[in-house]
Amino acid sequence: MVLRTDWEAVTLAAKETRTWVFEVRFNDAVLQGGPLSLAGAIENVEARYAALPELPAEWRRFEPLVLRAAGIVLNNRFLETTPNGNCVPTLHGGKCGVEAAWFWDSCTSLLGVGLMNDEATGWGTYRLFADGIAADGKPFVRYCDGQYVEGAQNPILAWGVWNFYALCPDREALAYCYPALKRYVVWWMRKWDLRGQGLYVYASGMGCTGLDDALQWCENFPIALQPGETWQGKDWGHPRADLFESVDTNCHLYLEMKALALMARVLELPQGSAEWEQRASALG
């Protein structure tokens, strides 16, 4: 007999026995066994659901969908080990099947845990992200297996931090993230205004816009498929990020600048607030 899982195949001889031990998780809690463990985990998650704001009357028919979404978000919480060995709560939002804290996906998904007053997960993730912004402002695409993976996605990190702050105010955490967020937005401004006109292209090699795999901006597009050819098998060529300044990237950068202006105001940095307001106005 052969027993197969997603990770391995084990062949058992006749009358041979094997023992497997399974770890049970309920939401983000690892259950060590016993009814008290499960009861505590259920009590914790019910408290998160109870913290959700009441839906307006015209939206109450969507309550089952909201609770389902909240459950998915809670199940995606994860304890991550940072490069310096600390253990922090994070969120593995998006890109199912890849155990990672993703830059883009987290900035939207973390608003869900913010609505449930889960400050630890939100600020744990954002502090981890702030630590991943390089000295020159260069970003990353995800944090996985104890390391930052190089890459770039559309700039919504400052927007995410500010909107999470509005749900779960923590001035100390905001002050921790702010310098890295400034470096990051300046990196976009310095590196991706290729024509010097105050408009920015999407980070090179990443698809030209926030729309993944926008084939119309690739070198070899369009290509007529021949009989028997598949879409997946075609060589569309590399993206040409230098062809145009995409609308979505510039809109996101505008929101980043506005978010930084609001952060600077809260952190009592009037000069910084005025500078980011001016930059946002110019870009707008």
Protein backbone atom coordinates (compact mmCIF):
# COMPACT_ATOMS: atom_id res chain seq x y z
CA MET A 1 0.00 0.00 0.00
CA VAL A 2 1.21 3.52 -0.81
CA LEU A 3 -0.07 6.48 1.22
CA ARG A 4 0.33 9.81 -0.52
CA THR A 5 0.12 13.38 0.72
CA ASP A 6 1.02 16.65 -0.94
CA TRP A 7 4.54 16.29 0.47
CA GLU A 8 5.47 12.62 0.41
CA ALA A 9 4.56 9.06 -0.55
CA VAL A 10 5.07 6.27 2.00
CA THR A 11 5.07 2.61 1.00
CA LEU A 12 3.83 0.18 3.66
CA ALA A 13 4.65 -3.52 3.58
CA ALA A 14 2.02 -6.12 4.39
CA LYS A 15 0.89 -5.84 8.05
CA GLU A 16 3.31 -2.94 8.63
CA THR A 17 2.02 -0.14 10.87
CA ARG A 18 2.95 3.52 11.06
CA THR A 19 1.91 6.28 13.44
CA TRP A 20 1.36 9.88 12.44
CA VAL A 21 0.83 12.76 14.87
CA PHE A 22 -1.22 15.71 13.59
CA GLU A 23 -1.04 19.25 14.92
CA VAL A 24 -4.48 20.85 15.11
CA ARG A 25 -4.93 24.60 14.57
CA PHE A 26 -8.07 26.57 15.29
CA ASN A 27 -7.70 29.93 13.59
CA ASP A 28 -4.23 31.05 14.69
CA ALA A 29 -4.13 28.96 17.89
CA VAL A 30 -2.26 25.66 18.00
CA LEU A 31 -4.32 23.32 20.14
CA GLN A 32 -2.24 21.18 22.47
CA GLY A 33 -5.21 18.97 23.27
CA GLY A 34 -8.04 19.03 25.78
CA PRO A 35 -11.41 20.80 25.89
CA LEU A 36 -10.08 23.88 27.68
CA SER A 37 -7.67 24.56 24.84
CA LEU A 38 -10.44 24.44 22.24
CA ALA A 39 -12.84 26.43 24.41
CA GLY A 40 -10.26 29.19 24.85
CA ALA A 41 -9.56 29.35 21.13
CA ILE A 42 -13.29 29.57 20.36
CA GLU A 43 -13.74 32.30 22.97
CA ASN A 44 -10.89 34.28 21.41
CA VAL A 45 -12.27 34.14 17.89
CA GLU A 46 -15.83 34.92 19.00
CA ALA A 47 -14.50 38.05 20.68
CA ARG A 48 -12.92 39.07 17.35
CA TYR A 49 -16.23 38.60 15.54
CA ALA A 50 -18.03 40.60 18.24
CA ALA A 51 -15.64 43.51 17.71
CA LEU A 52 -16.77 43.96 14.10
CA PRO A 53 -18.76 47.18 13.63
CA GLU A 54 -22.48 46.73 13.11
CA LEU A 55 -23.51 46.72 9.47
CA PRO A 56 -25.87 49.45 8.25
CA ALA A 57 -29.43 48.24 7.79
CA GLU A 58 -29.22 48.13 3.99
CA TRP A 59 -26.11 45.91 4.16
CA ARG A 60 -27.22 43.42 6.83
CA ARG A 61 -28.13 40.82 4.23
CA PHE A 62 -24.37 40.54 3.63
CA GLU A 63 -23.60 39.58 7.26
CA PRO A 64 -22.90 35.88 6.43
CA LEU A 65 -20.42 36.99 3.77
CA VAL A 66 -18.73 39.41 6.20
CA LEU A 67 -18.39 36.72 8.86
CA ARG A 68 -16.96 34.30 6.29
CA ALA A 69 -14.41 36.90 5.19
CA ALA A 70 -13.53 37.61 8.83
CA GLY A 71 -12.95 33.90 9.41
CA ILE A 72 -10.63 33.68 6.41
CA VAL A 73 -8.63 36.67 7.63
CA LEU A 74 -8.34 35.23 11.15
CA ASN A 75 -7.19 31.89 9.74
CA ASN A 76 -4.42 33.63 7.81
CA ARG A 77 -2.75 35.03 10.93
CA PHE A 78 0.71 33.63 11.48
CA LEU A 79 3.56 33.84 13.97
CA GLU A 80 6.63 34.93 12.00
CA THR A 81 10.25 34.78 13.11
CA THR A 82 12.07 37.99 12.27
CA PRO A 83 15.70 38.11 11.07
CA ASN A 84 16.82 39.02 14.60
CA GLY A 85 15.01 36.03 16.09
CA ASN A 86 11.92 37.73 17.51
CA CYS A 87 8.51 36.14 17.04
CA VAL A 88 5.78 38.52 15.85
CA PRO A 89 2.17 38.02 14.76
CA THR A 90 1.65 38.71 11.04
CA LEU A 91 -0.85 37.98 8.29
CA HIS A 92 -0.35 35.67 5.32
CA GLY A 93 -2.92 37.42 3.20
CA GLY A 94 -3.31 36.46 -0.46
CA LYS A 95 -1.34 34.16 -2.78
CA CYS A 96 -2.87 30.99 -1.34
CA GLY A 97 -0.41 28.15 -0.92
CA VAL A 98 2.61 30.38 -0.33
CA GLU A 99 3.43 30.85 3.35
CA ALA A 100 4.49 34.48 3.24
CA ALA A 101 3.52 37.97 4.37
CA TRP A 102 2.90 39.66 1.03
CA PHE A 103 3.45 43.38 0.62
CA TRP A 104 0.39 44.28 -1.48
CA ASP A 105 -2.07 41.73 -0.12
CA SER A 106 -1.29 42.52 3.52
CA CYS A 107 -1.97 46.24 3.14
CA THR A 108 -5.58 45.53 2.22
CA SER A 109 -6.18 42.39 4.32
CA LEU A 110 -4.83 44.00 7.50
CA LEU A 111 -7.76 46.42 7.46
CA GLY A 112 -9.89 43.36 8.24
CA VAL A 113 -8.00 42.56 11.44
CA GLY A 114 -8.10 46.26 12.23
CA LEU A 115 -11.88 46.17 12.14
CA MET A 116 -11.67 43.36 14.70
CA ASN A 117 -9.31 45.38 16.94
CA ASP A 118 -6.41 42.96 16.41
CA GLU A 119 -3.66 45.53 16.93
CA ALA A 120 -0.93 42.94 17.47
CA THR A 121 -1.27 41.34 14.05
CA GLY A 122 -1.48 44.63 12.17
CA TRP A 123 1.37 46.45 13.84
CA GLY A 124 3.47 43.28 13.99
CA THR A 125 3.22 42.99 10.21
CA TYR A 126 3.85 46.67 9.55
CA ARG A 127 6.88 46.80 11.84
CA LEU A 128 8.25 43.75 10.01
CA PHE A 129 7.62 45.50 6.68
CA ALA A 130 9.28 48.73 7.86
CA ASP A 131 12.38 46.74 8.77
CA GLY A 132 12.44 45.34 5.23
CA ILE A 133 12.71 48.72 3.48
CA ALA A 134 16.37 49.17 2.54
CA ALA A 135 18.44 52.22 3.47
CA ASP A 136 17.94 53.59 -0.06
CA GLY A 137 14.18 52.97 0.12
CA LYS A 138 14.16 49.87 -2.06
CA PRO A 139 11.21 47.62 -1.14
CA PHE A 140 10.57 43.88 -1.19
CA VAL A 141 7.69 41.77 -2.47
CA ARG A 142 7.15 39.39 0.48
CA TYR A 143 8.66 38.12 3.73
CA CYS A 144 9.06 34.35 3.57
CA ASP A 145 11.05 31.76 5.54
CA GLY A 146 12.84 34.39 7.57
CA GLN A 147 13.95 36.62 4.70
CA TYR A 148 12.73 39.45 2.50
CA VAL A 149 12.27 38.52 -1.16
CA GLU A 150 13.33 41.26 -3.57
CA GLY A 151 10.74 42.85 -5.83
CA ALA A 152 8.14 45.60 -6.01
CA GLN A 153 4.38 45.95 -6.15
CA ASN A 154 2.18 48.99 -6.52
CA PRO A 155 2.91 51.51 -3.74
CA ILE A 156 0.18 51.26 -1.09
CA LEU A 157 2.26 50.66 2.05
CA ALA A 158 1.85 54.14 3.59
CA TRP A 159 -1.84 54.08 2.67
CA GLY A 160 -2.20 50.74 4.46
CA VAL A 161 -0.37 51.91 7.58
CA TRP A 162 -2.39 55.12 7.84
CA ASN A 163 -5.74 53.40 7.42
CA PHE A 164 -4.78 50.75 9.97
CA TYR A 165 -3.73 53.52 12.35
CA ALA A 166 -7.21 55.04 11.98
CA LEU A 167 -8.69 51.72 13.17
CA CYS A 168 -6.07 50.86 15.81
CA PRO A 169 -4.25 54.04 16.88
CA ASP A 170 -0.72 53.48 18.14
CA ARG A 171 1.44 56.59 17.90
CA GLU A 172 4.61 54.73 18.87
CA ALA A 173 4.10 52.15 16.10
CA LEU A 174 3.32 54.91 13.60
CA ALA A 175 6.53 56.71 14.54
CA TYR A 176 8.46 53.44 14.09
CA CYS A 177 7.14 52.95 10.54
CA TYR A 178 7.23 56.56 9.31
CA PRO A 179 10.96 56.90 8.43
CA ALA A 180 10.91 53.70 6.34
CA LEU A 181 7.73 54.79 4.57
CA LYS A 182 9.35 58.11 3.66
CA ARG A 183 12.41 56.36 2.23
CA TYR A 184 10.19 54.05 0.25
CA VAL A 185 8.12 56.79 -1.43
CA VAL A 186 11.24 58.83 -2.14
CA TRP A 187 12.72 55.72 -3.82
CA TRP A 188 9.80 55.69 -6.23
CA MET A 189 10.16 59.42 -6.89
CA ARG A 190 13.91 59.25 -7.43
CA LYS A 191 14.06 56.05 -9.51
CA TRP A 192 10.90 55.85 -11.59
CA ASP A 193 10.36 59.35 -12.96
CA LEU A 194 12.16 58.25 -16.12
CA ARG A 195 11.33 61.31 -18.20
CA GLY A 196 11.76 63.90 -15.46
CA GLN A 197 8.17 65.13 -15.75
CA GLY A 198 6.97 64.31 -12.23
CA LEU A 199 5.07 61.20 -13.35
CA TYR A 200 6.16 57.69 -12.50
CA VAL A 201 6.36 54.39 -14.36
CA TYR A 202 5.65 51.05 -12.71
CA ALA A 203 8.78 49.37 -11.30
CA SER A 204 10.63 47.80 -14.22
CA GLY A 205 9.92 44.18 -15.06
CA MET A 206 6.77 43.97 -12.94
CA GLY A 207 4.11 44.16 -15.64
CA CYS A 208 3.93 47.92 -16.29
CA THR A 209 0.81 48.50 -14.19
CA GLY A 210 -0.76 47.08 -11.07
CA LEU A 211 -2.64 44.71 -13.38
CA ASP A 212 -0.58 41.52 -13.22
CA ASP A 213 0.55 40.21 -16.60
CA ALA A 214 -0.90 43.04 -18.67
CA LEU A 215 0.11 41.43 -21.95
CA GLN A 216 -0.80 44.44 -24.10
CA TRP A 217 2.32 46.14 -22.78
CA CYS A 218 4.69 43.28 -23.67
CA GLU A 219 7.16 43.40 -26.58
CA ASN A 220 5.65 40.64 -28.71
CA PHE A 221 1.96 41.41 -28.19
CA PRO A 222 -0.32 40.77 -30.03
CA ILE A 223 0.46 37.27 -31.22
CA ALA A 224 -2.05 35.20 -33.16
CA LEU A 225 -2.25 31.69 -31.77
CA GLN A 226 -1.55 28.98 -34.30
CA PRO A 227 -3.58 25.72 -34.41
CA GLY A 228 -2.64 23.57 -31.42
CA GLU A 229 -0.87 26.40 -29.54
CA THR A 230 -1.88 27.37 -26.01
CA TRP A 231 -1.99 30.76 -24.36
CA GLN A 232 0.38 29.53 -21.62
CA GLY A 233 2.92 28.35 -24.19
CA LYS A 234 3.35 31.63 -26.06
CA ASP A 235 6.34 33.93 -25.72
CA TRP A 236 4.80 37.34 -25.25
CA GLY A 237 8.13 39.03 -24.63
CA HIS A 238 9.16 41.09 -21.63
CA PRO A 239 7.09 43.96 -20.20
CA ARG A 240 8.09 47.45 -21.32
CA ALA A 241 7.68 49.49 -18.17
CA ASP A 242 9.37 52.45 -19.84
CA LEU A 243 6.59 52.85 -22.42
CA PHE A 244 4.26 54.98 -20.29
CA GLU A 245 3.47 56.33 -16.84
CA SER A 246 0.57 54.18 -15.65
CA VAL A 247 -2.48 55.80 -14.12
CA ASP A 248 -2.84 53.35 -11.25
CA THR A 249 0.78 53.71 -10.08
CA ASN A 250 0.55 57.50 -10.00
CA CYS A 251 -2.80 57.42 -8.19
CA HIS A 252 -1.34 55.12 -5.55
CA LEU A 253 1.70 57.36 -5.12
CA TYR A 254 -0.61 60.33 -4.67
CA LEU A 255 -2.37 58.46 -1.85
CA GLU A 256 1.01 57.52 -0.35
CA MET A 257 2.02 61.18 -0.22
CA LYS A 258 -1.30 62.22 1.32
CA ALA A 259 -0.93 59.45 3.93
CA LEU A 260 2.60 60.59 4.80
CA ALA A 261 1.33 64.17 5.21
CA LEU A 262 -1.32 62.97 7.68
CA MET A 263 1.22 60.85 9.58
CA ALA A 264 3.62 63.79 9.86
CA ARG A 265 0.82 65.92 11.28
CA VAL A 266 0.02 63.30 13.95
CA LEU A 267 3.73 62.96 14.75
CA GLU A 268 4.00 66.76 15.11
CA LEU A 269 6.30 67.21 12.13
CA PRO A 270 4.73 70.31 10.50
CA GLN A 271 7.49 70.81 7.92
CA GLY A 272 7.26 67.20 6.78
CA SER A 273 3.47 67.44 6.58
CA ALA A 274 3.65 70.56 4.43
CA GLU A 275 6.27 69.02 2.11
CA TRP A 276 4.22 65.87 1.49
CA GLU A 277 1.06 67.91 0.93
CA GLN A 278 2.94 69.97 -1.65
CA ARG A 279 4.29 66.88 -3.41
CA ALA A 280 0.83 65.29 -3.46
CA SER A 281 -0.69 68.48 -4.88
CA ALA A 282 1.92 68.63 -7.65
CA LEU A 283 1.37 65.00 -8.59
CA GLY A 284 -2.42 65.35 -8.40
